[in-house]
C-alpha atoms as a PDB file:
ATOM      1  CA  UNK A   1       0.008  -1.109 -14.897  1.00  0.00           C
ATOM      2  CA  UNK A   2      -1.321  -3.039 -11.940  1.00  0.00           C
ATOM      3  CA  UNK A   3       0.184  -5.736  -9.788  1.00  0.00           C
ATOM      4  CA  UNK A   4      -2.114  -8.177  -8.022  1.00  0.00           C
ATOM      5  CA  UNK A   5      -0.279  -8.281  -4.702  1.00  0.00           C
ATOM      6  CA  UNK A   6      -1.926 -11.531  -3.647  1.00  0.00           C
ATOM      7  CA  UNK A   7      -0.976 -13.617  -6.666  1.00  0.00           C
ATOM      8  CA  UNK A   8       1.910 -11.739  -8.315  1.00  0.00           C
ATOM      9  CA  UNK A   9       3.898 -10.574  -5.279  1.00  0.00           C
ATOM     10  CA  UNK A  10       5.181 -13.468  -3.154  1.00  0.00           C
ATOM     11  CA  UNK A  11       7.723 -13.264  -0.330  1.00  0.00           C
ATOM     12  CA  UNK A  12      10.239 -16.082  -0.730  1.00  0.00           C
ATOM     13  CA  UNK A  13      12.703 -15.252   2.049  1.00  0.00           C
ATOM     14  CA  UNK A  14      12.502 -13.361   5.321  1.00  0.00           C
ATOM     15  CA  UNK A  15      15.514 -12.831   7.547  1.00  0.00           C
ATOM     16  CA  UNK A  16      16.227 -10.284  10.259  1.00  0.00           C
ATOM     17  CA  UNK A  17      17.812  -7.725   7.896  1.00  0.00           C
ATOM     18  CA  UNK A  18      16.773  -8.976   4.438  1.00  0.00           C
ATOM     19  CA  UNK A  19      13.645  -9.955   2.514  1.00  0.00           C
ATOM     20  CA  UNK A  20      13.301 -11.366  -0.984  1.00  0.00           C
ATOM     21  CA  UNK A  21      10.134 -11.138  -3.073  1.00  0.00           C
ATOM     22  CA  UNK A  22       9.205 -12.614  -6.447  1.00  0.00           C
ATOM     23  CA  UNK A  23       7.103 -10.276  -8.570  1.00  0.00           C
ATOM     24  CA  UNK A  24       5.375 -10.911 -11.896  1.00  0.00           C
ATOM     25  CA  UNK A  25       4.367  -7.906 -13.968  1.00  0.00           C
ATOM     26  CA  UNK A  26       3.601  -7.617 -17.653  1.00  0.00           C
ATOM     27  CA  UNK A  27       4.737 -11.207 -18.200  1.00  0.00           C
ATOM     28  CA  UNK A  28       8.169 -10.549 -16.686  1.00  0.00           C
ATOM     29  CA  UNK A  29       9.459 -12.236 -13.554  1.00  0.00           C
ATOM     30  CA  UNK A  30      11.508 -10.118 -11.153  1.00  0.00           C
ATOM     31  CA  UNK A  31      13.092 -10.578  -7.772  1.00  0.00           C
ATOM     32  CA  UNK A  32      13.263  -7.736  -5.268  1.00  0.00           C
ATOM     33  CA  UNK A  33      15.784  -7.862  -2.444  1.00  0.00           C
ATOM     34  CA  UNK A  34      15.118  -5.447   0.430  1.00  0.00           C
ATOM     35  CA  UNK A  35      18.025  -4.881   2.820  1.00  0.00           C
ATOM     36  CA  UNK A  36      18.024  -3.172   6.193  1.00  0.00           C
ATOM     37  CA  UNK A  37      21.464  -1.549   6.220  1.00  0.00           C
ATOM     38  CA  UNK A  38      21.423  -1.222  10.014  1.00  0.00           C
ATOM     39  CA  UNK A  39      22.591   2.386   9.952  1.00  0.00           C
ATOM     40  CA  UNK A  40      21.206   5.903   9.545  1.00  0.00           C
ATOM     41  CA  UNK A  41      20.802   7.401   6.069  1.00  0.00           C
ATOM     42  CA  UNK A  42      23.619   9.585   4.741  1.00  0.00           C
ATOM     43  CA  UNK A  43      23.748  12.166   1.969  1.00  0.00           C
ATOM     44  CA  UNK A  44      25.925   9.746  -0.070  1.00  0.00           C
ATOM     45  CA  UNK A  45      22.967   7.347  -0.211  1.00  0.00           C
ATOM     46  CA  UNK A  46      21.102   9.820  -2.442  1.00  0.00           C
ATOM     47  CA  UNK A  47      23.563  10.994  -5.136  1.00  0.00           C
ATOM     48  CA  UNK A  48      20.711  12.252  -7.337  1.00  0.00           C
ATOM     49  CA  UNK A  49      19.761  14.900  -4.745  1.00  0.00           C
ATOM     50  CA  UNK A  50      21.887  17.965  -5.415  1.00  0.00           C
ATOM     51  CA  UNK A  51      21.866  19.237  -1.826  1.00  0.00           C
ATOM     52  CA  UNK A  52      21.591  15.880  -0.045  1.00  0.00           C
ATOM     53  CA  UNK A  53      18.691  14.950   2.194  1.00  0.00           C
ATOM     54  CA  UNK A  54      19.259  17.566   4.869  1.00  0.00           C
ATOM     55  CA  UNK A  55      17.332  17.033   8.092  1.00  0.00           C
ATOM     56  CA  UNK A  56      15.116  14.283   6.633  1.00  0.00           C
ATOM     57  CA  UNK A  57      17.659  11.601   7.502  1.00  0.00           C
ATOM     58  CA  UNK A  58      16.155   8.346   8.737  1.00  0.00           C
ATOM     59  CA  UNK A  59      17.520   6.302  11.610  1.00  0.00           C
ATOM     60  CA  UNK A  60      17.251   3.099   9.586  1.00  0.00           C
ATOM     61  CA  UNK A  61      18.445   3.083   5.964  1.00  0.00           C
ATOM     62  CA  UNK A  62      16.707   0.534   3.711  1.00  0.00           C
ATOM     63  CA  UNK A  63      17.814  -0.325   0.170  1.00  0.00           C
ATOM     64  CA  UNK A  64      15.926  -2.248  -2.508  1.00  0.00           C
ATOM     65  CA  UNK A  65      17.545  -4.103  -5.419  1.00  0.00           C
ATOM     66  CA  UNK A  66      15.571  -5.356  -8.441  1.00  0.00           C
ATOM     67  CA  UNK A  67      16.779  -8.260 -10.571  1.00  0.00           C
ATOM     68  CA  UNK A  68      15.215  -9.544 -13.778  1.00  0.00           C
ATOM     69  CA  UNK A  69      16.418 -11.878 -16.505  1.00  0.00           C
ATOM     70  CA  UNK A  70      14.584  -9.677 -19.036  1.00  0.00           C
ATOM     71  CA  UNK A  71      15.029  -5.942 -19.426  1.00  0.00           C
ATOM     72  CA  UNK A  72      12.536  -3.738 -17.604  1.00  0.00           C
ATOM     73  CA  UNK A  73      11.008  -0.531 -18.910  1.00  0.00           C
ATOM     74  CA  UNK A  74      11.430   2.621 -16.785  1.00  0.00           C
ATOM     75  CA  UNK A  75       7.772   2.499 -15.694  1.00  0.00           C
ATOM     76  CA  UNK A  76       8.214  -1.120 -14.559  1.00  0.00           C
ATOM     77  CA  UNK A  77      11.351  -0.223 -12.578  1.00  0.00           C
ATOM     78  CA  UNK A  78       9.499   2.571 -10.781  1.00  0.00           C
ATOM     79  CA  UNK A  79       6.570   0.271  -9.990  1.00  0.00           C
END
């Protein structure tokens, strides 16, 4: 699966701590919201990691949220 970043990945909003992007892939329209949490990463941010993130904590935690009116396949979510 490929995304043409010039025509299928368009930024629609840019603020100091938030960006919104519209993405088209496989005929599905999605919106990605990227948020700068303004804080360091914590172990609780990564519940799927059994032992937490240890010393690899970042000074600036960023989260991404994907919204779509149609269901996405796992491979599309990862992309």
